């Protein structure tokens, strides 16, 4: 189980991302449309003035059940060993165990 402080930090980043999403998107659209360097630098400064944690790149995908930050499967939102346990217990419909 992940530490609670790390999970809360991720939630905080998610909230900030949602809050600044429209501002960042509109600034990036303006940046692609403007051709002069001085205007680009102003828009870029506006992007940089927003909080660091509002960038979607800084978010980290975590396991839905345990909060584990590594070995996550996007389709299920679970870490590898939890996914394997659930498949063995037949809790995930459509997922089969490998056999060769």
Foldseek 3Di string as FASTA:
>chain_A
DDDPVVVVVLVVLVVLLVVCVVVLVVLVVVLVVDDDPVVNVVSVVVNVVRDPSNDPVPHAQAAPPPRHRPQADPVRSHHDVVVVVCQVVVNDPPDHDDDD
